[in-house]
């Protein structure tokens, strides 16, 4: 009961909701393209199988450099996914009618 009263008090008129939907859709497209680019920039995880046989010849500094770049890309991907989820929720909230 309390949630429906809160939502009915927050209803906006049709023109504002339409403008919000268009704006959120544009932001959704931009963020989704950004997430796709960051995912494609990440290296595939191989599981470091060659380490057992001694095939891994990288230095410690080289490994940390790659991990820092990969960790930044992973964080950007997670943040982008959260932003996409929030935008999707806001987009569908504009369709609510009480």
PDB file of N, CA and C in Angstrom:
ATOM      1  N   UNK A   1       0.830  -1.188   0.000  1.00  0.00           N
ATOM      2  CA  UNK A   1       0.000   0.000   0.000  1.00  0.00           C
ATOM      3  C   UNK A   1       0.867   1.241   0.000  1.00  0.00           C
ATOM      4  N   UNK A   2       1.898   1.284   0.822  1.00  0.00           N
ATOM      5  CA  UNK A   2       2.765   2.448   0.917  1.00  0.00           C
ATOM      6  C   UNK A   2       3.523   2.714  -0.368  1.00  0.00           C
ATOM      7  N   UNK A   3       3.961   1.633  -1.046  1.00  0.00           N
ATOM      8  CA  UNK A   3       4.699   1.792  -2.294  1.00  0.00           C
ATOM      9  C   UNK A   3       3.815   2.354  -3.386  1.00  0.00           C
ATOM     10  N   UNK A   4       2.561   1.901  -3.467  1.00  0.00           N
ATOM     11  CA  UNK A   4       1.666   2.416  -4.500  1.00  0.00           C
ATOM     12  C   UNK A   4       1.352   3.887  -4.275  1.00  0.00           C
ATOM     13  N   UNK A   5       1.224   4.301  -3.016  1.00  0.00           N
ATOM     14  CA  UNK A   5       1.011   5.718  -2.731  1.00  0.00           C
ATOM     15  C   UNK A   5       2.229   6.545  -3.110  1.00  0.00           C
ATOM     16  N   UNK A   6       3.413   6.002  -2.855  1.00  0.00           N
ATOM     17  CA  UNK A   6       4.634   6.706  -3.211  1.00  0.00           C
ATOM     18  C   UNK A   6       4.754   6.850  -4.718  1.00  0.00           C
ATOM     19  N   UNK A   7       4.446   5.775  -5.439  1.00  0.00           N
ATOM     20  CA  UNK A   7       4.524   5.830  -6.892  1.00  0.00           C
ATOM     21  C   UNK A   7       3.463   6.737  -7.485  1.00  0.00           C
ATOM     22  N   UNK A   8       2.255   6.736  -6.943  1.00  0.00           N
ATOM     23  CA  UNK A   8       1.216   7.591  -7.482  1.00  0.00           C
ATOM     24  C   UNK A   8       1.526   9.060  -7.226  1.00  0.00           C
ATOM     25  N   UNK A   9       2.210   9.355  -6.136  1.00  0.00           N
ATOM     26  CA  UNK A   9       2.587  10.738  -5.864  1.00  0.00           C
ATOM     27  C   UNK A   9       3.711  11.191  -6.783  1.00  0.00           C
ATOM     28  N   UNK A  10       4.489  10.243  -7.294  1.00  0.00           N
ATOM     29  CA  UNK A  10       5.631  10.586  -8.132  1.00  0.00           C
ATOM     30  C   UNK A  10       5.313  10.515  -9.620  1.00  0.00           C
ATOM     31  N   UNK A  11       4.056  10.332  -9.997  1.00  0.00           N
ATOM     32  CA  UNK A  11       3.714  10.248 -11.410  1.00  0.00           C
ATOM     33  C   UNK A  11       3.992  11.572 -12.102  1.00  0.00           C
ATOM     34  N   UNK A  12       4.453  11.471 -13.322  1.00  0.00           N
ATOM     35  CA  UNK A  12       4.754  12.662 -14.107  1.00  0.00           C
ATOM     36  C   UNK A  12       3.883  12.653 -15.347  1.00  0.00           C
ATOM     37  N   UNK A  13       3.726  13.810 -15.949  1.00  0.00           N
ATOM     38  CA  UNK A  13       2.836  13.857 -17.098  1.00  0.00           C
ATOM     39  C   UNK A  13       3.469  13.176 -18.318  1.00  0.00           C
ATOM     40  N   UNK A  14       2.682  13.007 -19.344  1.00  0.00           N
ATOM     41  CA  UNK A  14       3.068  12.202 -20.498  1.00  0.00           C
ATOM     42  C   UNK A  14       4.256  12.801 -21.249  1.00  0.00           C
ATOM     43  N   UNK A  15       4.266  14.111 -21.444  1.00  0.00           N
ATOM     44  CA  UNK A  15       5.333  14.735 -22.222  1.00  0.00           C
ATOM     45  C   UNK A  15       6.694  14.601 -21.538  1.00  0.00           C
ATOM     46  N   UNK A  16       6.688  14.774 -20.219  1.00  0.00           N
ATOM     47  CA  UNK A  16       7.942  14.645 -19.470  1.00  0.00           C
ATOM     48  C   UNK A  16       8.417  13.194 -19.488  1.00  0.00           C
ATOM     49  N   UNK A  17       7.494  12.260 -19.326  1.00  0.00           N
ATOM     50  CA  UNK A  17       7.857  10.845 -19.353  1.00  0.00           C
ATOM     51  C   UNK A  17       8.399  10.452 -20.722  1.00  0.00           C
ATOM     52  N   UNK A  18       7.810  10.988 -21.773  1.00  0.00           N
ATOM     53  CA  UNK A  18       8.285  10.683 -23.131  1.00  0.00           C
ATOM     54  C   UNK A  18       9.690  11.223 -23.340  1.00  0.00           C
ATOM     55  N   UNK A  19       9.949  12.444 -22.886  1.00  0.00           N
ATOM     56  CA  UNK A  19      11.284  13.023 -23.012  1.00  0.00           C
ATOM     57  C   UNK A  19      12.301  12.232 -22.190  1.00  0.00           C
ATOM     58  N   UNK A  20      11.889  11.787 -20.993  1.00  0.00           N
ATOM     59  CA  UNK A  20      12.777  10.970 -20.166  1.00  0.00           C
ATOM     60  C   UNK A  20      13.104   9.645 -20.837  1.00  0.00           C
ATOM     61  N   UNK A  21      12.102   9.013 -21.444  1.00  0.00           N
ATOM     62  CA  UNK A  21      12.337   7.745 -22.136  1.00  0.00           C
ATOM     63  C   UNK A  21      13.331   7.908 -23.272  1.00  0.00           C
ATOM     64  N   UNK A  22      13.203   8.988 -24.028  1.00  0.00           N
ATOM     65  CA  UNK A  22      14.128   9.224 -25.141  1.00  0.00           C
ATOM     66  C   UNK A  22      15.539   9.453 -24.610  1.00  0.00           C
ATOM     67  N   UNK A  23      15.662  10.266 -23.569  1.00  0.00           N
ATOM     68  CA  UNK A  23      16.972  10.547 -22.984  1.00  0.00           C
ATOM     69  C   UNK A  23      17.601   9.286 -22.404  1.00  0.00           C
ATOM     70  N   UNK A  24      16.818   8.513 -21.688  1.00  0.00           N
ATOM     71  CA  UNK A  24      17.338   7.275 -21.098  1.00  0.00           C
ATOM     72  C   UNK A  24      17.722   6.281 -22.193  1.00  0.00           C
ATOM     73  N   UNK A  25      16.955   6.235 -23.273  1.00  0.00           N
ATOM     74  CA  UNK A  25      17.289   5.332 -24.379  1.00  0.00           C
ATOM     75  C   UNK A  25      18.620   5.704 -25.015  1.00  0.00           C
ATOM     76  N   UNK A  26      18.852   6.993 -25.199  1.00  0.00           N
ATOM     77  CA  UNK A  26      20.120   7.440 -25.778  1.00  0.00           C
ATOM     78  C   UNK A  26      21.277   7.104 -24.842  1.00  0.00           C
ATOM     79  N   UNK A  27      21.105   7.366 -23.544  1.00  0.00           N
ATOM     80  CA  UNK A  27      22.139   7.014 -22.574  1.00  0.00           C
ATOM     81  C   UNK A  27      22.379   5.507 -22.538  1.00  0.00           C
ATOM     82  N   UNK A  28      21.305   4.734 -22.650  1.00  0.00           N
ATOM     83  CA  UNK A  28      21.407   3.273 -22.643  1.00  0.00           C
ATOM     84  C   UNK A  28      22.253   2.790 -23.821  1.00  0.00           C
ATOM     85  N   UNK A  29      22.024   3.368 -24.989  1.00  0.00           N
ATOM     86  CA  UNK A  29      22.793   2.982 -26.177  1.00  0.00           C
ATOM     87  C   UNK A  29      24.259   3.348 -26.018  1.00  0.00           C
ATOM     88  N   UNK A  30      24.541   4.546 -25.511  1.00  0.00           N
ATOM     89  CA  UNK A  30      25.928   4.983 -25.345  1.00  0.00           C
ATOM     90  C   UNK A  30      26.659   4.108 -24.337  1.00  0.00           C
ATOM     91  N   UNK A  31      26.030   3.836 -23.204  1.00  0.00           N
ATOM     92  CA  UNK A  31      26.675   3.016 -22.171  1.00  0.00           C
ATOM     93  C   UNK A  31      26.860   1.578 -22.661  1.00  0.00           C
ATOM     94  N   UNK A  32      25.880   1.048 -23.388  1.00  0.00           N
ATOM     95  CA  UNK A  32      26.015  -0.329 -23.870  1.00  0.00           C
ATOM     96  C   UNK A  32      27.139  -0.455 -24.890  1.00  0.00           C
ATOM     97  N   UNK A  33      27.322   0.539 -25.739  1.00  0.00           N
ATOM     98  CA  UNK A  33      28.448   0.509 -26.674  1.00  0.00           C
ATOM     99  C   UNK A  33      29.761   0.591 -25.897  1.00  0.00           C
ATOM    100  N   UNK A  34      29.801   1.419 -24.855  1.00  0.00           N
ATOM    101  CA  UNK A  34      31.000   1.506 -24.023  1.00  0.00           C
ATOM    102  C   UNK A  34      31.329   0.193 -23.332  1.00  0.00           C
ATOM    103  N   UNK A  35      30.311  -0.496 -22.841  1.00  0.00           N
ATOM    104  CA  UNK A  35      30.536  -1.787 -22.188  1.00  0.00           C
ATOM    105  C   UNK A  35      31.031  -2.815 -23.204  1.00  0.00           C
ATOM    106  N   UNK A  36      30.466  -2.801 -24.401  1.00  0.00           N
ATOM    107  CA  UNK A  36      30.930  -3.736 -25.430  1.00  0.00           C
ATOM    108  C   UNK A  36      32.392  -3.502 -25.783  1.00  0.00           C
ATOM    109  N   UNK A  37      32.785  -2.238 -25.883  1.00  0.00           N
ATOM    110  CA  UNK A  37      34.173  -1.921 -26.215  1.00  0.00           C
ATOM    111  C   UNK A  37      35.111  -2.368 -25.101  1.00  0.00           C
ATOM    112  N   UNK A  38      34.736  -2.125 -23.844  1.00  0.00           N
ATOM    113  CA  UNK A  38      35.612  -2.536 -22.750  1.00  0.00           C
ATOM    114  C   UNK A  38      35.709  -4.053 -22.629  1.00  0.00           C
ATOM    115  N   UNK A  39      34.628  -4.751 -22.907  1.00  0.00           N
ATOM    116  CA  UNK A  39      34.686  -6.215 -22.874  1.00  0.00           C
ATOM    117  C   UNK A  39      35.585  -6.736 -23.991  1.00  0.00           C
ATOM    118  N   UNK A  40      35.499  -6.123 -25.147  1.00  0.00           N
ATOM    119  CA  UNK A  40      36.331  -6.574 -26.269  1.00  0.00           C
ATOM    120  C   UNK A  40      37.805  -6.214 -26.070  1.00  0.00           C
ATOM    121  N   UNK A  41      38.103  -5.216 -25.246  1.00  0.00           N
ATOM    122  CA  UNK A  41      39.488  -4.847 -24.972  1.00  0.00           C
ATOM    123  C   UNK A  41      40.158  -5.788 -23.979  1.00  0.00           C
ATOM    124  N   UNK A  42      39.367  -6.544 -23.232  1.00  0.00           N
ATOM    125  CA  UNK A  42      39.929  -7.445 -22.234  1.00  0.00           C
ATOM    126  C   UNK A  42      40.522  -8.676 -22.899  1.00  0.00           C
ATOM    127  N   UNK A  43      41.596  -9.170 -22.296  1.00  0.00           N
ATOM    128  CA  UNK A  43      42.218 -10.392 -22.805  1.00  0.00           C
ATOM    129  C   UNK A  43      41.454 -11.596 -22.274  1.00  0.00           C
ATOM    130  N   UNK A  44      41.378 -12.670 -23.057  1.00  0.00           N
ATOM    131  CA  UNK A  44      40.708 -13.875 -22.547  1.00  0.00           C
ATOM    132  C   UNK A  44      41.522 -14.507 -21.419  1.00  0.00           C
ATOM    133  N   UNK A  45      40.815 -15.088 -20.470  1.00  0.00           N
ATOM    134  CA  UNK A  45      41.472 -15.737 -19.334  1.00  0.00           C
ATOM    135  C   UNK A  45      41.850 -17.147 -19.764  1.00  0.00           C
ATOM    136  N   UNK A  46      43.161 -17.438 -19.718  1.00  0.00           N
ATOM    137  CA  UNK A  46      43.629 -18.751 -20.167  1.00  0.00           C
ATOM    138  C   UNK A  46      43.799 -19.728 -19.018  1.00  0.00           C
ATOM    139  N   UNK A  47      43.719 -19.253 -17.800  1.00  0.00           N
ATOM    140  CA  UNK A  47      43.858 -20.139 -16.652  1.00  0.00           C
ATOM    141  C   UNK A  47      45.305 -20.388 -16.261  1.00  0.00           C
ATOM    142  N   UNK A  48      46.280 -19.775 -16.928  1.00  0.00           N
ATOM    143  CA  UNK A  48      47.711 -19.920 -16.633  1.00  0.00           C
ATOM    144  C   UNK A  48      48.156 -21.373 -16.614  1.00  0.00           C
ATOM    145  N   UNK A  49      47.733 -22.141 -17.594  1.00  0.00           N
ATOM    146  CA  UNK A  49      48.093 -23.559 -17.663  1.00  0.00           C
ATOM    147  C   UNK A  49      49.569 -23.732 -17.993  1.00  0.00           C
ATOM    148  N   UNK A  50      50.126 -22.814 -18.780  1.00  0.00           N
ATOM    149  CA  UNK A  50      51.535 -22.939 -19.162  1.00  0.00           C
ATOM    150  C   UNK A  50      52.500 -22.684 -18.021  1.00  0.00           C
ATOM    151  N   UNK A  51      52.044 -22.191 -16.912  1.00  0.00           N
ATOM    152  CA  UNK A  51      52.915 -21.896 -15.776  1.00  0.00           C
ATOM    153  C   UNK A  51      53.505 -23.176 -15.187  1.00  0.00           C
ATOM    154  N   UNK A  52      52.762 -24.250 -15.200  1.00  0.00           N
ATOM    155  CA  UNK A  52      53.234 -25.518 -14.626  1.00  0.00           C
ATOM    156  C   UNK A  52      54.427 -26.053 -15.407  1.00  0.00           C
ATOM    157  N   UNK A  53      54.403 -25.921 -16.711  1.00  0.00           N
ATOM    158  CA  UNK A  53      55.478 -26.433 -17.551  1.00  0.00           C
ATOM    159  C   UNK A  53      56.622 -25.439 -17.684  1.00  0.00           C
ATOM    160  N   UNK A  54      56.537 -24.281 -17.067  1.00  0.00           N
ATOM    161  CA  UNK A  54      57.608 -23.307 -17.130  1.00  0.00           C
ATOM    162  C   UNK A  54      57.546 -22.432 -18.365  1.00  0.00           C
ATOM    163  N   UNK A  55      56.406 -22.381 -19.017  1.00  0.00           N
ATOM    164  CA  UNK A  55      56.283 -21.603 -20.241  1.00  0.00           C
ATOM    165  C   UNK A  55      56.053 -20.122 -19.976  1.00  0.00           C
ATOM    166  N   UNK A  56      55.738 -19.758 -18.773  1.00  0.00           N
ATOM    167  CA  UNK A  56      55.469 -18.367 -18.434  1.00  0.00           C
ATOM    168  C   UNK A  56      56.795 -17.672 -18.167  1.00  0.00           C
ATOM    169  N   UNK A  57      57.253 -16.822 -19.087  1.00  0.00           N
ATOM    170  CA  UNK A  57      58.549 -16.169 -18.958  1.00  0.00           C
ATOM    171  C   UNK A  57      58.423 -14.676 -18.668  1.00  0.00           C
ATOM    172  N   UNK A  58      57.252 -14.221 -18.304  1.00  0.00           N
ATOM    173  CA  UNK A  58      57.073 -12.812 -18.008  1.00  0.00           C
ATOM    174  C   UNK A  58      57.682 -12.462 -16.657  1.00  0.00           C
ATOM    175  N   UNK A  59      58.143 -11.225 -16.555  1.00  0.00           N
ATOM    176  CA  UNK A  59      58.675 -10.759 -15.283  1.00  0.00           C
ATOM    177  C   UNK A  59      57.521 -10.349 -14.368  1.00  0.00           C
ATOM    178  N   UNK A  60      57.861 -10.129 -13.103  1.00  0.00           N
ATOM    179  CA  UNK A  60      56.834  -9.723 -12.140  1.00  0.00           C
ATOM    180  C   UNK A  60      56.257  -8.367 -12.509  1.00  0.00           C
ATOM    181  N   UNK A  61      57.093  -7.441 -12.959  1.00  0.00           N
ATOM    182  CA  UNK A  61      56.622  -6.108 -13.338  1.00  0.00           C
ATOM    183  C   UNK A  61      55.682  -6.194 -14.541  1.00  0.00           C
ATOM    184  N   UNK A  62      55.984  -7.025 -15.496  1.00  0.00           N
ATOM    185  CA  UNK A  62      55.124  -7.190 -16.661  1.00  0.00           C
ATOM    186  C   UNK A  62      53.782  -7.792 -16.296  1.00  0.00           C
ATOM    187  N   UNK A  63      53.797  -8.732 -15.358  1.00  0.00           N
ATOM    188  CA  UNK A  63      52.543  -9.335 -14.920  1.00  0.00           C
ATOM    189  C   UNK A  63      51.681  -8.331 -14.182  1.00  0.00           C
ATOM    190  N   UNK A  64      52.277  -7.516 -13.335  1.00  0.00           N
ATOM    191  CA  UNK A  64      51.501  -6.516 -12.600  1.00  0.00           C
ATOM    192  C   UNK A  64      50.943  -5.448 -13.520  1.00  0.00           C
ATOM    193  N   UNK A  65      51.700  -5.085 -14.535  1.00  0.00           N
ATOM    194  CA  UNK A  65      51.227  -4.072 -15.475  1.00  0.00           C
ATOM    195  C   UNK A  65      49.981  -4.566 -16.197  1.00  0.00           C
ATOM    196  N   UNK A  66      50.011  -5.792 -16.624  1.00  0.00           N
ATOM    197  CA  UNK A  66      48.847  -6.361 -17.313  1.00  0.00           C
ATOM    198  C   UNK A  66      47.670  -6.501 -16.355  1.00  0.00           C
ATOM    199  N   UNK A  67      47.937  -6.888 -15.126  1.00  0.00           N
ATOM    200  CA  UNK A  67      46.857  -7.051 -14.162  1.00  0.00           C
ATOM    201  C   UNK A  67      46.204  -5.722 -13.823  1.00  0.00           C
ATOM    202  N   UNK A  68      47.009  -4.663 -13.759  1.00  0.00           N
ATOM    203  CA  UNK A  68      46.430  -3.359 -13.475  1.00  0.00           C
ATOM    204  C   UNK A  68      45.496  -2.920 -14.598  1.00  0.00           C
ATOM    205  N   UNK A  69      45.914  -3.109 -15.840  1.00  0.00           N
ATOM    206  CA  UNK A  69      45.067  -2.751 -16.974  1.00  0.00           C
ATOM    207  C   UNK A  69      43.813  -3.617 -16.995  1.00  0.00           C
ATOM    208  N   UNK A  70      43.998  -4.903 -16.752  1.00  0.00           N
ATOM    209  CA  UNK A  70      42.855  -5.813 -16.745  1.00  0.00           C
ATOM    210  C   UNK A  70      41.903  -5.511 -15.591  1.00  0.00           C
ATOM    211  N   UNK A  71      42.453  -5.156 -14.434  1.00  0.00           N
ATOM    212  CA  UNK A  71      41.577  -4.854 -13.307  1.00  0.00           C
ATOM    213  C   UNK A  71      40.791  -3.569 -13.550  1.00  0.00           C
ATOM    214  N   UNK A  72      41.404  -2.596 -14.202  1.00  0.00           N
ATOM    215  CA  UNK A  72      40.684  -1.366 -14.540  1.00  0.00           C
ATOM    216  C   UNK A  72      39.574  -1.668 -15.534  1.00  0.00           C
ATOM    217  N   UNK A  73      39.866  -2.465 -16.550  1.00  0.00           N
ATOM    218  CA  UNK A  73      38.844  -2.819 -17.532  1.00  0.00           C
ATOM    219  C   UNK A  73      37.713  -3.617 -16.886  1.00  0.00           C
ATOM    220  N   UNK A  74      38.053  -4.489 -15.944  1.00  0.00           N
ATOM    221  CA  UNK A  74      37.031  -5.274 -15.260  1.00  0.00           C
ATOM    222  C   UNK A  74      36.127  -4.365 -14.426  1.00  0.00           C
ATOM    223  N   UNK A  75      36.728  -3.389 -13.731  1.00  0.00           N
ATOM    224  CA  UNK A  75      35.942  -2.466 -12.926  1.00  0.00           C
ATOM    225  C   UNK A  75      35.032  -1.607 -13.804  1.00  0.00           C
ATOM    226  N   UNK A  76      35.559  -1.156 -14.954  1.00  0.00           N
ATOM    227  CA  UNK A  76      34.749  -0.348 -15.879  1.00  0.00           C
ATOM    228  C   UNK A  76      33.579  -1.174 -16.409  1.00  0.00           C
ATOM    229  N   UNK A  77      33.820  -2.461 -16.678  1.00  0.00           N
ATOM    230  CA  UNK A  77      32.753  -3.336 -17.157  1.00  0.00           C
ATOM    231  C   UNK A  77      31.671  -3.513 -16.095  1.00  0.00           C
ATOM    232  N   UNK A  78      32.070  -3.712 -14.858  1.00  0.00           N
ATOM    233  CA  UNK A  78      31.098  -3.890 -13.772  1.00  0.00           C
ATOM    234  C   UNK A  78      30.293  -2.613 -13.558  1.00  0.00           C
ATOM    235  N   UNK A  79      30.970  -1.472 -13.541  1.00  0.00           N
ATOM    236  CA  UNK A  79      30.277  -0.195 -13.362  1.00  0.00           C
ATOM    237  C   UNK A  79      29.314   0.064 -14.513  1.00  0.00           C
ATOM    238  N   UNK A  80      29.749  -0.255 -15.733  1.00  0.00           N
ATOM    239  CA  UNK A  80      28.867  -0.089 -16.892  1.00  0.00           C
ATOM    240  C   UNK A  80      27.644  -0.980 -16.812  1.00  0.00           C
ATOM    241  N   UNK A  81      27.820  -2.201 -16.338  1.00  0.00           N
ATOM    242  CA  UNK A  81      26.680  -3.099 -16.181  1.00  0.00           C
ATOM    243  C   UNK A  81      25.688  -2.602 -15.144  1.00  0.00           C
ATOM    244  N   UNK A  82      26.210  -2.050 -14.058  1.00  0.00           N
ATOM    245  CA  UNK A  82      25.327  -1.499 -13.023  1.00  0.00           C
ATOM    246  C   UNK A  82      24.562  -0.292 -13.571  1.00  0.00           C
ATOM    247  N   UNK A  83      25.255   0.558 -14.318  1.00  0.00           N
ATOM    248  CA  UNK A  83      24.589   1.723 -14.917  1.00  0.00           C
ATOM    249  C   UNK A  83      23.507   1.277 -15.893  1.00  0.00           C
ATOM    250  N   UNK A  84      23.777   0.244 -16.677  1.00  0.00           N
ATOM    251  CA  UNK A  84      22.760  -0.284 -17.599  1.00  0.00           C
ATOM    252  C   UNK A  84      21.542  -0.795 -16.840  1.00  0.00           C
ATOM    253  N   UNK A  85      21.764  -1.487 -15.732  1.00  0.00           N
ATOM    254  CA  UNK A  85      20.640  -1.999 -14.950  1.00  0.00           C
ATOM    255  C   UNK A  85      19.805  -0.863 -14.371  1.00  0.00           C
ATOM    256  N   UNK A  86      20.470   0.166 -13.852  1.00  0.00           N
ATOM    257  CA  UNK A  86      19.747   1.308 -13.279  1.00  0.00           C
ATOM    258  C   UNK A  86      18.973   2.049 -14.359  1.00  0.00           C
ATOM    259  N   UNK A  87      19.585   2.239 -15.525  1.00  0.00           N
ATOM    260  CA  UNK A  87      18.882   2.905 -16.626  1.00  0.00           C
ATOM    261  C   UNK A  87      17.669   2.100 -17.081  1.00  0.00           C
ATOM    262  N   UNK A  88      17.790   0.782 -17.108  1.00  0.00           N
ATOM    263  CA  UNK A  88      16.658  -0.059 -17.501  1.00  0.00           C
ATOM    264  C   UNK A  88      15.515   0.072 -16.495  1.00  0.00           C
ATOM    265  N   UNK A  89      15.850   0.113 -15.213  1.00  0.00           N
ATOM    266  CA  UNK A  89      14.807   0.287 -14.190  1.00  0.00           C
ATOM    267  C   UNK A  89      14.126   1.631 -14.345  1.00  0.00           C
ATOM    268  N   UNK A  90      14.907   2.705 -14.503  1.00  0.00           N
ATOM    269  CA  UNK A  90      14.319   4.029 -14.684  1.00  0.00           C
ATOM    270  C   UNK A  90      13.477   4.107 -15.949  1.00  0.00           C
ATOM    271  N   UNK A  91      13.915   3.424 -17.011  1.00  0.00           N
ATOM    272  CA  UNK A  91      13.159   3.438 -18.260  1.00  0.00           C
ATOM    273  C   UNK A  91      11.776   2.826 -18.063  1.00  0.00           C
ATOM    274  N   UNK A  92      11.707   1.706 -17.384  1.00  0.00           N
ATOM    275  CA  UNK A  92      10.417   1.042 -17.211  1.00  0.00           C
ATOM    276  C   UNK A  92       9.566   1.671 -16.117  1.00  0.00           C
ATOM    277  N   UNK A  93      10.179   2.423 -15.211  1.00  0.00           N
ATOM    278  CA  UNK A  93       9.413   3.154 -14.212  1.00  0.00           C
ATOM    279  C   UNK A  93       8.584   4.253 -14.886  1.00  0.00           C
ATOM    280  N   UNK A  94       9.085   4.799 -16.000  1.00  0.00           N
ATOM    281  CA  UNK A  94       8.333   5.835 -16.703  1.00  0.00           C
ATOM    282  C   UNK A  94       7.049   5.293 -17.324  1.00  0.00           C
ATOM    283  N   UNK A  95       6.922   3.989 -17.443  1.00  0.00           N
ATOM    284  CA  UNK A  95       5.701   3.374 -17.996  1.00  0.00           C
ATOM    285  C   UNK A  95       4.667   3.039 -16.921  1.00  0.00           C
ATOM    286  N   UNK A  96       5.009   3.235 -15.648  1.00  0.00           N
ATOM    287  CA  UNK A  96       4.082   2.879 -14.571  1.00  0.00           C
ATOM    288  C   UNK A  96       2.856   3.775 -14.584  1.00  0.00           C
ATOM    289  N   UNK A  97       1.732   3.144 -14.419  1.00  0.00           N
ATOM    290  CA  UNK A  97       0.470   3.874 -14.283  1.00  0.00           C
ATOM    291  C   UNK A  97      -0.264   3.292 -13.076  1.00  0.00           C
ATOM    292  N   UNK A  98      -0.687   4.149 -12.190  1.00  0.00           N
ATOM    293  CA  UNK A  98      -1.374   3.681 -10.990  1.00  0.00           C
ATOM    294  C   UNK A  98      -2.837   4.046 -11.095  1.00  0.00           C
TER     295      UNK A  98
END
